[in-house]
Amino acid sequence: MADGRTIVSIKRPLASVAGLLLLSVLAACSDGGLATGSLSLAVTDAPVDRASAVVVQFTGVEIKPAEGEALDFTFAEPRAIDLLALSGTDSDALLENVEVPAGRYNWVRLKVNAAEDGVADSYIDLTDGSRHELEVPSGAETGLKLVSGFNVPAGGAAGFTIDFDLRSSVHEPMDAADSYKLRPALRIVDNTQVGAIAGTVAAALVPDGCAPAVYVFAGGGVTPDDVDGMAPEPVTSARVELDVASGQYGYRAGFLAAGAYTVAFTCDADADDPATDDALAFAGTQAATVIAGQTTAVSFAAPP
């Protein structure tokens, strides 16, 4: 190619991976050759309200070694993934066990079909039954790029998760005839250093008309706020859902780096517009500490 990239066509089928995006090195070349490893890559998401599906069509993945040309893995067929189905600790694989050179990588780019062209290759389904085209501004040219680097150790294994925070990313159009915009707030974490926060929410906190969600903020003692592009911003959020079998409301927020967090419950999640400063009412704010490989329990009880 004129830009010097290496193109590899990937034909293996899409696979689901519960709870992790695995960037793994399974083997290294021997006999004095260039050390290599194998690469697996998947995506997960934090939810958004008023939508029943958020589908993004991926066409490939590009990664850039610190030394050498970018590696471009183009899918034989585009892969449509409903990100809304991947909340909590679920994820979906984009690449599996693809051999790559070991060493430092500067960035990863997710290539998508998400232009405002009248074709619903990427789209959002709303709870009112309507479907709208989903556009990633400049997505056709630049894709979705993460500049946080990572390492692929020779003969070893490394795992990372890329999280689409849909609550921060989906923007409604000013004109109902226009497409919805996806401006992803992406983060990447090392799977060996992440855990989860999960728990129950008392039914008394979820009255009729409530749009329940749990917001998770980095650090202790944070005063919770909405998603508006100004600190403090939640690291992630989790939808609160009713378990019909147990009759309890519960939530799970996954892929959190080990450390201290502030966790808060709100009934106003559907009023959180990422483009504006919204006054959300939070209740039961608590401190939590995430330990790698474990789930920290934080539940919200009814007030006395």
Protein backbone atom coordinates (compact mmCIF):
# COMPACT_ATOMS: atom_id res chain seq x y z
CA MET A 1 0.00 0.00 0.00
CA ALA A 2 1.06 3.60 -0.55
CA ASP A 3 1.00 4.37 3.19
CA GLY A 4 3.20 1.39 4.03
CA ARG A 5 0.69 -0.47 6.18
CA THR A 6 0.54 -4.24 6.29
CA ILE A 7 -2.91 -5.62 5.43
CA VAL A 8 -4.10 -8.96 6.77
CA SER A 9 -7.50 -10.41 5.91
CA ILE A 10 -9.19 -12.05 8.91
CA LYS A 11 -11.77 -14.72 8.10
CA ARG A 12 -12.30 -16.46 11.44
CA PRO A 13 -15.83 -16.04 12.82
CA LEU A 14 -16.79 -13.58 15.54
CA ALA A 15 -16.68 -15.14 18.99
CA SER A 16 -18.17 -14.03 22.29
CA VAL A 17 -15.91 -13.71 25.34
CA ALA A 18 -17.72 -13.19 28.67
CA GLY A 19 -16.05 -10.61 30.88
CA LEU A 20 -12.78 -9.94 29.07
CA LEU A 21 -11.01 -8.59 26.07
CA LEU A 22 -7.95 -10.78 25.73
CA LEU A 23 -4.79 -9.47 24.15
CA SER A 24 -2.68 -12.60 24.52
CA VAL A 25 0.70 -13.88 23.50
CA LEU A 26 0.58 -17.64 23.14
CA ALA A 27 3.93 -18.33 21.52
CA ALA A 28 7.18 -16.77 20.40
CA CYS A 29 9.29 -17.58 17.40
CA SER A 30 12.39 -19.64 18.11
CA ASP A 31 15.70 -20.27 16.30
CA GLY A 32 16.71 -16.62 16.53
CA GLY A 33 13.68 -15.33 14.60
CA LEU A 34 11.56 -12.27 15.41
CA ALA A 35 9.65 -12.81 18.66
CA THR A 36 5.90 -12.89 18.13
CA GLY A 37 2.71 -13.40 20.06
CA SER A 38 -0.94 -13.86 19.23
CA LEU A 39 -3.52 -11.11 19.55
CA SER A 40 -7.17 -11.29 20.60
CA LEU A 41 -9.32 -8.17 20.87
CA ALA A 42 -12.90 -7.52 21.98
CA VAL A 43 -15.22 -4.69 23.04
CA THR A 44 -17.60 -4.03 25.93
CA ASP A 45 -19.84 -1.10 26.91
CA ALA A 46 -21.57 0.89 29.62
CA PRO A 47 -25.31 1.34 28.93
CA VAL A 48 -27.50 4.21 27.78
CA ASP A 49 -31.20 4.79 28.45
CA ARG A 50 -34.07 5.13 25.96
CA ALA A 51 -32.40 2.65 23.58
CA SER A 52 -33.05 -1.04 22.98
CA ALA A 53 -30.03 -1.58 20.70
CA VAL A 54 -26.89 0.32 19.71
CA VAL A 55 -25.34 -1.49 16.76
CA VAL A 56 -21.92 -0.56 15.36
CA GLN A 57 -20.55 -2.22 12.23
CA PHE A 58 -16.83 -2.93 12.56
CA THR A 59 -14.73 -3.49 9.43
CA GLY A 60 -11.34 -4.18 11.00
CA VAL A 61 -8.70 -3.32 13.57
CA GLU A 62 -5.38 -1.52 13.13
CA ILE A 63 -2.51 -1.55 15.64
CA LYS A 64 0.74 0.42 15.54
CA PRO A 65 3.99 -1.00 16.93
CA ALA A 66 6.36 1.52 18.46
CA GLU A 67 8.87 0.37 15.86
CA GLY A 68 7.69 -0.55 12.38
CA GLU A 69 4.63 -0.23 10.19
CA ALA A 70 1.02 -0.34 11.37
CA LEU A 71 -0.72 -3.72 11.13
CA ASP A 72 -4.15 -3.55 9.51
CA PHE A 73 -6.52 -6.49 10.09
CA THR A 74 -9.45 -6.12 7.68
CA PHE A 75 -12.43 -8.41 8.20
CA ALA A 76 -13.62 -10.51 5.25
CA GLU A 77 -17.15 -9.34 6.15
CA PRO A 78 -18.17 -6.38 8.36
CA ARG A 79 -19.26 -7.38 11.87
CA ALA A 80 -22.31 -5.76 13.42
CA ILE A 81 -22.15 -5.77 17.23
CA ASP A 82 -24.94 -4.59 19.54
CA LEU A 83 -22.92 -2.74 22.16
CA LEU A 84 -25.96 -2.36 24.39
CA ALA A 85 -25.96 -6.13 24.89
CA LEU A 86 -22.44 -6.01 26.34
CA SER A 87 -22.98 -4.17 29.63
CA GLY A 88 -21.64 -5.29 32.98
CA THR A 89 -18.85 -7.82 32.55
CA ASP A 90 -19.75 -9.08 29.04
CA SER A 91 -17.64 -8.46 25.94
CA ASP A 92 -17.41 -9.57 22.30
CA ALA A 93 -14.29 -10.57 20.39
CA LEU A 94 -13.04 -8.74 17.32
CA LEU A 95 -9.78 -10.65 16.82
CA GLU A 96 -8.73 -14.01 18.20
CA ASN A 97 -5.25 -15.48 18.37
CA VAL A 98 -3.79 -13.42 15.53
CA GLU A 99 0.02 -13.63 15.47
CA VAL A 100 1.74 -10.25 15.86
CA PRO A 101 5.28 -9.10 16.68
CA ALA A 102 6.00 -8.88 20.41
CA GLY A 103 6.87 -5.51 21.91
CA ARG A 104 5.40 -2.09 22.57
CA TYR A 105 2.32 -0.83 20.68
CA ASN A 106 1.45 2.87 20.62
CA TRP A 107 -2.20 2.76 19.62
CA VAL A 108 -5.14 0.69 18.40
CA ARG A 109 -7.77 1.86 15.92
CA LEU A 110 -11.20 0.28 15.48
CA LYS A 111 -12.44 0.72 11.92
CA VAL A 112 -16.19 1.22 11.48
CA ASN A 113 -18.94 1.76 8.92
CA ALA A 114 -20.80 4.63 10.58
CA ALA A 115 -21.19 7.51 8.13
CA GLU A 116 -24.32 9.62 7.63
CA ASP A 117 -25.05 8.23 4.19
CA GLY A 118 -28.62 6.97 4.39
CA VAL A 119 -27.45 3.39 5.02
CA ALA A 120 -28.17 1.99 8.49
CA ASP A 121 -25.03 -0.15 8.74
CA SER A 122 -24.62 1.33 12.23
CA TYR A 123 -27.82 2.32 14.00
CA ILE A 124 -29.66 2.90 17.27
CA ASP A 125 -33.07 1.42 18.08
CA LEU A 126 -35.06 3.46 20.58
CA THR A 127 -37.57 2.09 23.06
CA ASP A 128 -40.36 3.82 21.11
CA GLY A 129 -39.72 1.37 18.26
CA SER A 130 -37.95 3.79 15.93
CA ARG A 131 -34.59 3.15 14.28
CA HIS A 132 -32.06 5.90 13.53
CA GLU A 133 -28.81 5.93 11.63
CA LEU A 134 -25.75 6.13 13.91
CA GLU A 135 -22.85 8.28 12.74
CA VAL A 136 -19.29 8.37 14.06
CA PRO A 137 -18.03 11.78 12.92
CA SER A 138 -14.91 11.24 10.76
CA GLY A 139 -15.23 7.52 11.49
CA ALA A 140 -14.83 6.55 7.84
CA GLU A 141 -11.47 8.35 7.69
CA THR A 142 -9.97 7.86 11.15
CA GLY A 143 -12.01 5.15 12.85
CA LEU A 144 -12.03 5.00 16.66
CA LYS A 145 -8.47 5.47 17.89
CA LEU A 146 -7.12 4.78 21.38
CA VAL A 147 -3.69 6.25 22.01
CA SER A 148 -3.09 4.43 25.30
CA GLY A 149 -0.24 2.06 24.52
CA PHE A 150 0.19 -1.57 25.53
CA ASN A 151 2.82 -4.30 25.50
CA VAL A 152 2.76 -7.77 23.94
CA PRO A 153 5.43 -9.82 25.78
CA ALA A 154 7.26 -12.48 23.81
CA GLY A 155 5.98 -15.89 24.79
CA GLY A 156 3.77 -14.39 27.49
CA ALA A 157 0.20 -13.13 27.72
CA ALA A 158 -1.47 -9.77 28.19
CA GLY A 159 -5.16 -8.86 28.24
CA PHE A 160 -6.97 -5.54 27.79
CA THR A 161 -10.56 -4.33 27.59
CA ILE A 162 -11.85 -1.48 25.44
CA ASP A 163 -15.02 0.00 26.94
CA PHE A 164 -17.56 2.05 24.99
CA ASP A 165 -19.35 4.26 27.53
CA LEU A 166 -22.60 4.75 25.63
CA ARG A 167 -24.07 7.04 28.28
CA SER A 168 -21.26 9.49 27.51
CA SER A 169 -21.09 8.74 23.80
CA VAL A 170 -24.57 8.80 22.23
CA HIS A 171 -25.80 12.28 21.25
CA GLU A 172 -29.32 13.02 20.02
CA PRO A 173 -29.60 15.12 16.85
CA MET A 174 -30.94 18.67 16.94
CA ASP A 175 -33.14 17.79 13.96
CA ALA A 176 -35.17 14.58 14.28
CA ALA A 177 -34.41 13.80 10.63
CA ASP A 178 -30.66 13.71 11.25
CA SER A 179 -28.62 10.75 12.45
CA TYR A 180 -27.65 10.12 16.05
CA LYS A 181 -23.98 10.83 16.76
CA LEU A 182 -21.61 8.40 18.46
CA ARG A 183 -18.66 10.22 19.99
CA PRO A 184 -17.19 7.38 22.01
CA ALA A 185 -15.66 7.95 25.42
CA LEU A 186 -13.32 4.97 25.16
CA ARG A 187 -11.08 3.57 27.88
CA ILE A 188 -8.70 0.64 27.87
CA VAL A 189 -7.76 -1.37 30.97
CA ASP A 190 -5.44 -4.24 31.80
CA ASN A 191 -7.53 -7.31 32.57
CA THR A 192 -5.05 -8.55 35.16
CA GLN A 193 -5.69 -5.40 37.20
CA VAL A 194 -9.48 -5.06 37.02
CA GLY A 195 -12.42 -6.11 39.12
CA ALA A 196 -16.12 -5.30 39.35
CA ILE A 197 -18.67 -3.64 41.61
CA ALA A 198 -22.11 -5.25 41.95
CA GLY A 199 -25.05 -5.33 44.32
CA THR A 200 -28.76 -4.93 44.85
CA VAL A 201 -31.05 -1.90 44.99
CA ALA A 202 -34.07 -1.84 47.29
CA ALA A 203 -37.38 -1.86 45.42
CA ALA A 204 -38.49 1.18 47.41
CA LEU A 205 -35.79 3.18 45.61
CA VAL A 206 -37.21 2.23 42.20
CA PRO A 207 -40.76 3.67 42.04
CA ASP A 208 -42.86 3.91 38.89
CA GLY A 209 -41.28 6.29 36.41
CA CYS A 210 -37.78 5.74 37.78
CA ALA A 211 -34.91 5.35 35.28
CA PRO A 212 -32.48 3.60 37.65
CA ALA A 213 -28.72 3.49 37.23
CA VAL A 214 -25.58 3.32 39.36
CA TYR A 215 -22.76 5.74 38.58
CA VAL A 216 -19.15 4.88 39.47
CA PHE A 217 -16.56 7.63 40.04
CA ALA A 218 -12.79 7.21 40.48
CA GLY A 219 -11.56 8.05 43.98
CA GLY A 220 -13.16 8.25 47.38
CA GLY A 221 -15.31 11.10 48.67
CA VAL A 222 -16.49 12.26 45.23
CA THR A 223 -19.68 14.31 45.02
CA PRO A 224 -21.55 12.55 42.19
CA ASP A 225 -22.51 14.51 39.10
CA ASP A 226 -23.99 13.93 35.66
CA VAL A 227 -22.17 13.22 32.40
CA ASP A 228 -21.40 16.66 30.96
CA GLY A 229 -17.76 16.72 29.95
CA MET A 230 -16.67 18.38 33.19
CA ALA A 231 -15.14 16.80 36.28
CA PRO A 232 -16.14 14.74 38.07
CA GLU A 233 -17.12 12.40 35.25
CA PRO A 234 -18.17 8.82 36.01
CA VAL A 235 -15.71 6.14 34.99
CA THR A 236 -18.68 4.00 34.04
CA SER A 237 -22.32 3.43 34.87
CA ALA A 238 -24.52 0.37 35.23
CA ARG A 239 -28.17 -0.17 34.48
CA VAL A 240 -30.30 -1.37 37.41
CA GLU A 241 -32.54 -4.25 36.32
CA LEU A 242 -35.17 -6.43 37.95
CA ASP A 243 -34.37 -10.11 38.43
CA VAL A 244 -37.82 -11.63 38.00
CA ALA A 245 -36.79 -14.90 39.65
CA SER A 246 -35.63 -13.29 42.90
CA GLY A 247 -37.77 -10.16 42.76
CA GLN A 248 -34.69 -8.04 43.47
CA TYR A 249 -33.19 -5.16 41.54
CA GLY A 250 -29.50 -5.51 40.81
CA TYR A 251 -26.60 -4.05 38.85
CA ARG A 252 -23.02 -4.90 37.84
CA ALA A 253 -20.25 -2.52 36.73
CA GLY A 254 -17.24 -4.30 35.27
CA PHE A 255 -13.73 -3.68 33.94
CA LEU A 256 -12.76 -1.31 36.77
CA ALA A 257 -9.08 -0.83 37.52
CA ALA A 258 -8.10 -1.73 41.07
CA GLY A 259 -8.45 1.21 43.44
CA ALA A 260 -10.86 3.46 45.32
CA TYR A 261 -14.25 4.52 43.92
CA THR A 262 -17.40 6.41 44.84
CA VAL A 263 -20.68 4.71 43.91
CA ALA A 264 -24.06 6.46 43.73
CA PHE A 265 -27.62 5.56 42.71
CA THR A 266 -29.97 7.76 40.66
CA CYS A 267 -33.51 7.51 39.28
CA ASP A 268 -32.78 10.24 36.73
CA ALA A 269 -30.52 8.36 34.31
CA ASP A 270 -32.81 9.04 31.35
CA ALA A 271 -32.42 12.80 31.94
CA ASP A 272 -28.63 12.69 31.58
CA ASP A 273 -27.71 14.39 28.30
CA PRO A 274 -23.92 14.23 27.75
CA ALA A 275 -24.04 17.54 25.89
CA THR A 276 -25.54 19.52 28.80
CA ASP A 277 -25.13 20.03 32.54
CA ASP A 278 -28.12 18.23 34.06
CA ALA A 279 -29.26 18.27 37.69
CA LEU A 280 -29.54 14.60 38.65
CA ALA A 281 -30.64 13.51 42.11
CA PHE A 282 -28.28 10.90 43.60
CA ALA A 283 -28.95 8.74 46.66
CA GLY A 284 -27.04 6.34 48.88
CA THR A 285 -23.54 7.49 47.87
CA GLN A 286 -20.96 4.99 49.14
CA ALA A 287 -17.22 4.34 49.03
CA ALA A 288 -15.88 1.15 47.46
CA THR A 289 -12.49 -0.44 46.89
CA VAL A 290 -11.98 -2.62 43.81
CA ILE A 291 -9.53 -5.50 44.04
CA ALA A 292 -8.21 -7.12 40.88
CA GLY A 293 -10.01 -10.34 40.03
CA GLN A 294 -12.76 -9.79 42.60
CA THR A 295 -16.28 -8.34 42.76
CA THR A 296 -16.88 -5.71 45.44
CA ALA A 297 -20.42 -5.74 46.89
CA VAL A 298 -22.18 -2.37 47.19
CA SER A 299 -25.95 -2.44 47.77
CA PHE A 300 -28.45 0.37 48.19
CA ALA A 301 -30.98 -0.10 50.98
CA ALA A 302 -34.24 1.77 51.45
CA PRO A 303 -33.96 4.77 53.80
CA PRO A 304 -35.23 4.08 57.37
